[in-house]
Amino acid sequence: MNKSELVARLTERLGGDRAMATAAVNGVLEEIQGSVASGERVSLTGFGTFDRRERAARMGRNPQTGAAIQLAASVSPVFRPGTGFRSLLSQNGGSPTVEPVVAQAAPDPAPKKAKNRTKKAKKAARAESRAGGTKTTKKAANKDAKKAAKKRG
């Protein structure tokens, strides 16, 4: 719903006086805006609270260059719905609480063969391939792993 639709619905409730409905909607919005801008909190029982949030100046980063930049202090409006509004939403199909969903893992279609290489053998194979040496085969890596295990044990 936008502002003109709100005015149209209010016109129906007021018996067809569109000018009065427009003045009422504009008046309410202006009062809320003016009060929040001057630092007041506007609480409408059962509906919610309009307030302002002040953020201090801080250091930030330019995402493109990574350079540190100073961000100025800012003020922004905040709306927190009241309990009546939230309960109305939950009655109309909205869910106020999110229940955790336990995902069950689907069984793998084909079990994969386990690799029997140790961390040292894998590391050695990577270092060898980076240095331009010959690629280590699984058989050679397993042999290296057995040698390493023998030295430890």
C-alpha atoms as a PDB file:
ATOM      1  CA  MET A   1       0.000   0.000   0.000  1.00  0.00           C
ATOM      2  CA  ASN A   2       1.285   3.472  -0.851  1.00  0.00           C
ATOM      3  CA  LYS A   3       0.217   6.909   0.388  1.00  0.00           C
ATOM      4  CA  SER A   4      -2.517   7.435  -2.229  1.00  0.00           C
ATOM      5  CA  GLU A   5      -4.030   4.008  -1.486  1.00  0.00           C
ATOM      6  CA  LEU A   6      -4.011   4.858   2.224  1.00  0.00           C
ATOM      7  CA  VAL A   7      -5.814   8.134   1.470  1.00  0.00           C
ATOM      8  CA  ALA A   8      -8.370   6.241  -0.646  1.00  0.00           C
ATOM      9  CA  ARG A   9      -9.120   3.753   2.162  1.00  0.00           C
ATOM     10  CA  LEU A  10      -9.360   6.548   4.717  1.00  0.00           C
ATOM     11  CA  THR A  11     -11.732   8.420   2.361  1.00  0.00           C
ATOM     12  CA  GLU A  12     -14.055   5.384   2.401  1.00  0.00           C
ATOM     13  CA  ARG A  13     -13.995   5.322   6.214  1.00  0.00           C
ATOM     14  CA  LEU A  14     -14.690   9.072   6.495  1.00  0.00           C
ATOM     15  CA  GLY A  15     -17.683   8.943   4.169  1.00  0.00           C
ATOM     16  CA  GLY A  16     -16.189  10.190   0.901  1.00  0.00           C
ATOM     17  CA  ASP A  17     -14.329  13.379   1.920  1.00  0.00           C
ATOM     18  CA  ARG A  18     -10.991  12.949   0.111  1.00  0.00           C
ATOM     19  CA  ALA A  19      -9.626  16.384   1.110  1.00  0.00           C
ATOM     20  CA  MET A  20     -10.120  15.608   4.793  1.00  0.00           C
ATOM     21  CA  ALA A  21      -8.513  12.159   4.412  1.00  0.00           C
ATOM     22  CA  THR A  22      -5.500  13.645   2.616  1.00  0.00           C
ATOM     23  CA  ALA A  23      -5.127  16.308   5.304  1.00  0.00           C
ATOM     24  CA  ALA A  24      -5.347  13.658   8.050  1.00  0.00           C
ATOM     25  CA  VAL A  25      -2.687  11.403   6.489  1.00  0.00           C
ATOM     26  CA  ASN A  26      -0.359  14.343   5.760  1.00  0.00           C
ATOM     27  CA  GLY A  27      -0.901  15.756   9.261  1.00  0.00           C
ATOM     28  CA  VAL A  28      -0.034  12.474  10.991  1.00  0.00           C
ATOM     29  CA  LEU A  29       3.070  11.959   8.852  1.00  0.00           C
ATOM     30  CA  GLU A  30       4.269  15.547   9.349  1.00  0.00           C
ATOM     31  CA  GLU A  31       3.854  15.310  13.121  1.00  0.00           C
ATOM     32  CA  ILE A  32       5.760  12.020  13.286  1.00  0.00           C
ATOM     33  CA  GLN A  33       8.553  13.377  11.072  1.00  0.00           C
ATOM     34  CA  GLY A  34       8.819  16.647  12.996  1.00  0.00           C
ATOM     35  CA  SER A  35       8.873  14.940  16.389  1.00  0.00           C
ATOM     36  CA  VAL A  36      11.500  12.371  15.405  1.00  0.00           C
ATOM     37  CA  ALA A  37      13.626  15.058  13.713  1.00  0.00           C
ATOM     38  CA  SER A  38      13.608  17.133  16.913  1.00  0.00           C
ATOM     39  CA  GLY A  39      14.747  14.115  18.947  1.00  0.00           C
ATOM     40  CA  GLU A  40      11.434  12.999  20.438  1.00  0.00           C
ATOM     41  CA  ARG A  41      10.233   9.410  20.482  1.00  0.00           C
ATOM     42  CA  VAL A  42       6.761   8.810  19.023  1.00  0.00           C
ATOM     43  CA  SER A  43       5.017   5.815  20.627  1.00  0.00           C
ATOM     44  CA  LEU A  44       1.699   4.611  19.269  1.00  0.00           C
ATOM     45  CA  THR A  45       0.417   1.973  21.691  1.00  0.00           C
ATOM     46  CA  GLY A  46      -0.259  -1.326  19.951  1.00  0.00           C
ATOM     47  CA  PHE A  47       1.308  -0.108  16.697  1.00  0.00           C
ATOM     48  CA  GLY A  48       4.926   0.764  17.355  1.00  0.00           C
ATOM     49  CA  THR A  49       7.563   3.356  18.138  1.00  0.00           C
ATOM     50  CA  PHE A  50       9.273   5.834  15.822  1.00  0.00           C
ATOM     51  CA  ASP A  51      12.679   6.936  17.040  1.00  0.00           C
ATOM     52  CA  ARG A  52      16.019   8.173  15.755  1.00  0.00           C
ATOM     53  CA  ARG A  53      19.342   6.389  15.864  1.00  0.00           C
ATOM     54  CA  GLU A  54      22.487   8.469  16.068  1.00  0.00           C
ATOM     55  CA  ARG A  55      25.729   6.990  14.810  1.00  0.00           C
ATOM     56  CA  ALA A  56      29.077   8.455  15.794  1.00  0.00           C
ATOM     57  CA  ALA A  57      31.784   9.380  13.301  1.00  0.00           C
ATOM     58  CA  ARG A  58      34.074   6.471  12.558  1.00  0.00           C
ATOM     59  CA  MET A  59      36.821   5.203  10.323  1.00  0.00           C
ATOM     60  CA  GLY A  60      35.775   3.099   7.341  1.00  0.00           C
ATOM     61  CA  ARG A  61      37.410   1.565   4.284  1.00  0.00           C
ATOM     62  CA  ASN A  62      36.948   2.283   0.612  1.00  0.00           C
ATOM     63  CA  PRO A  63      36.046  -1.170  -0.770  1.00  0.00           C
ATOM     64  CA  GLN A  64      37.746  -0.526  -4.127  1.00  0.00           C
ATOM     65  CA  THR A  65      41.072   0.811  -2.903  1.00  0.00           C
ATOM     66  CA  GLY A  66      41.153  -0.376   0.705  1.00  0.00           C
ATOM     67  CA  ALA A  67      42.123   3.142   1.824  1.00  0.00           C
ATOM     68  CA  ALA A  68      40.943   4.311   5.257  1.00  0.00           C
ATOM     69  CA  ILE A  69      38.358   7.103   5.092  1.00  0.00           C
ATOM     70  CA  GLN A  70      36.579   9.156   7.735  1.00  0.00           C
ATOM     71  CA  LEU A  71      32.815   8.572   7.843  1.00  0.00           C
ATOM     72  CA  ALA A  72      30.768  11.452   9.240  1.00  0.00           C
ATOM     73  CA  ALA A  73      28.298  11.097  12.084  1.00  0.00           C
ATOM     74  CA  SER A  74      24.778  10.310  10.887  1.00  0.00           C
ATOM     75  CA  VAL A  75      21.221  10.153  12.155  1.00  0.00           C
ATOM     76  CA  SER A  76      18.585   7.799  10.750  1.00  0.00           C
ATOM     77  CA  PRO A  77      14.943   7.097  11.608  1.00  0.00           C
ATOM     78  CA  VAL A  78      13.998   3.784  13.238  1.00  0.00           C
ATOM     79  CA  PHE A  79      10.638   2.020  13.590  1.00  0.00           C
ATOM     80  CA  ARG A  80      10.082  -0.791  16.084  1.00  0.00           C
ATOM     81  CA  PRO A  81       6.716  -2.570  15.809  1.00  0.00           C
ATOM     82  CA  GLY A  82       4.656  -2.962  18.966  1.00  0.00           C
ATOM     83  CA  THR A  83       3.390  -6.227  20.394  1.00  0.00           C
ATOM     84  CA  GLY A  84      -0.130  -5.674  19.039  1.00  0.00           C
ATOM     85  CA  PHE A  85       1.195  -5.187  15.518  1.00  0.00           C
ATOM     86  CA  ARG A  86       3.460  -8.234  15.780  1.00  0.00           C
ATOM     87  CA  SER A  87       0.664 -10.437  17.133  1.00  0.00           C
ATOM     88  CA  LEU A  88      -1.595  -9.296  14.269  1.00  0.00           C
ATOM     89  CA  LEU A  89       1.056 -10.401  11.792  1.00  0.00           C
ATOM     90  CA  SER A  90       1.458 -13.774  13.471  1.00  0.00           C
ATOM     91  CA  GLN A  91      -2.323 -14.370  13.353  1.00  0.00           C
ATOM     92  CA  ASN A  92      -2.397 -13.646   9.615  1.00  0.00           C
ATOM     93  CA  GLY A  93       0.045 -16.367   8.665  1.00  0.00           C
ATOM     94  CA  GLY A  94       3.300 -14.659   9.601  1.00  0.00           C
ATOM     95  CA  SER A  95       5.650 -16.636  11.787  1.00  0.00           C
ATOM     96  CA  PRO A  96       7.051 -14.696  14.788  1.00  0.00           C
ATOM     97  CA  THR A  97       9.494 -17.458  15.656  1.00  0.00           C
ATOM     98  CA  VAL A  98      11.613 -19.442  13.301  1.00  0.00           C
ATOM     99  CA  GLU A  99      11.836 -23.107  14.105  1.00  0.00           C
ATOM    100  CA  PRO A 100      15.143 -24.780  13.301  1.00  0.00           C
ATOM    101  CA  VAL A 101      15.014 -27.161  10.394  1.00  0.00           C
ATOM    102  CA  VAL A 102      17.113 -30.268  10.776  1.00  0.00           C
ATOM    103  CA  ALA A 103      18.491 -31.165   7.397  1.00  0.00           C
ATOM    104  CA  GLN A 104      19.018 -34.840   6.823  1.00  0.00           C
ATOM    105  CA  ALA A 105      21.927 -35.673   4.602  1.00  0.00           C
ATOM    106  CA  ALA A 106      21.050 -37.608   1.509  1.00  0.00           C
ATOM    107  CA  PRO A 107      23.039 -40.816   1.149  1.00  0.00           C
ATOM    108  CA  ASP A 108      25.885 -40.627  -1.339  1.00  0.00           C
ATOM    109  CA  PRO A 109      25.025 -42.430  -4.584  1.00  0.00           C
ATOM    110  CA  ALA A 110      28.462 -44.017  -4.847  1.00  0.00           C
ATOM    111  CA  PRO A 111      30.918 -44.200  -1.970  1.00  0.00           C
ATOM    112  CA  LYS A 112      34.266 -42.609  -2.761  1.00  0.00           C
ATOM    113  CA  LYS A 113      37.528 -44.404  -2.211  1.00  0.00           C
ATOM    114  CA  ALA A 114      39.426 -43.177   0.813  1.00  0.00           C
ATOM    115  CA  LYS A 115      42.827 -41.689   0.174  1.00  0.00           C
ATOM    116  CA  ASN A 116      45.517 -43.208   2.365  1.00  0.00           C
ATOM    117  CA  ARG A 117      48.045 -40.423   2.109  1.00  0.00           C
ATOM    118  CA  THR A 118      49.292 -38.605   5.185  1.00  0.00           C
ATOM    119  CA  LYS A 119      49.604 -34.852   5.485  1.00  0.00           C
ATOM    120  CA  LYS A 120      53.370 -35.036   5.005  1.00  0.00           C
ATOM    121  CA  ALA A 121      53.052 -37.039   1.807  1.00  0.00           C
ATOM    122  CA  LYS A 122      50.449 -34.634   0.421  1.00  0.00           C
ATOM    123  CA  LYS A 123      52.617 -31.672   1.343  1.00  0.00           C
ATOM    124  CA  ALA A 124      55.651 -33.249  -0.295  1.00  0.00           C
ATOM    125  CA  ALA A 125      53.669 -33.977  -3.459  1.00  0.00           C
ATOM    126  CA  ARG A 126      52.453 -30.362  -3.646  1.00  0.00           C
ATOM    127  CA  ALA A 127      55.946 -28.983  -3.061  1.00  0.00           C
ATOM    128  CA  GLU A 128      57.347 -31.253  -5.762  1.00  0.00           C
ATOM    129  CA  SER A 129      54.734 -30.223  -8.314  1.00  0.00           C
ATOM    130  CA  ARG A 130      55.310 -26.519  -7.560  1.00  0.00           C
ATOM    131  CA  ALA A 131      59.065 -26.893  -7.923  1.00  0.00           C
ATOM    132  CA  GLY A 132      58.633 -28.289 -11.424  1.00  0.00           C
ATOM    133  CA  GLY A 133      59.435 -31.867 -10.470  1.00  0.00           C
ATOM    134  CA  THR A 134      57.556 -34.869 -11.706  1.00  0.00           C
ATOM    135  CA  LYS A 135      54.036 -35.405 -10.511  1.00  0.00           C
ATOM    136  CA  THR A 136      53.830 -37.835  -7.614  1.00  0.00           C
ATOM    137  CA  THR A 137      51.547 -40.793  -8.189  1.00  0.00           C
ATOM    138  CA  LYS A 138      49.313 -42.253  -5.508  1.00  0.00           C
ATOM    139  CA  LYS A 139      51.543 -45.298  -5.266  1.00  0.00           C
ATOM    140  CA  ALA A 140      54.641 -43.146  -4.692  1.00  0.00           C
ATOM    141  CA  ALA A 141      52.809 -40.987  -2.162  1.00  0.00           C
ATOM    142  CA  ASN A 142      51.709 -44.090  -0.254  1.00  0.00           C
ATOM    143  CA  LYS A 143      55.289 -45.321  -0.279  1.00  0.00           C
ATOM    144  CA  ASP A 144      56.455 -41.966   1.114  1.00  0.00           C
ATOM    145  CA  ALA A 145      53.762 -42.120   3.797  1.00  0.00           C
ATOM    146  CA  LYS A 146      54.867 -45.604   4.854  1.00  0.00           C
ATOM    147  CA  LYS A 147      58.485 -44.427   5.096  1.00  0.00           C
ATOM    148  CA  ALA A 148      57.472 -41.463   7.227  1.00  0.00           C
ATOM    149  CA  ALA A 149      55.427 -43.715   9.521  1.00  0.00           C
ATOM    150  CA  LYS A 150      58.395 -46.094   9.876  1.00  0.00           C
ATOM    151  CA  LYS A 151      60.710 -43.243  10.910  1.00  0.00           C
ATOM    152  CA  ARG A 152      58.243 -42.049  13.583  1.00  0.00           C
ATOM    153  CA  GLY A 153      57.522 -45.533  14.941  1.00  0.00           C
END
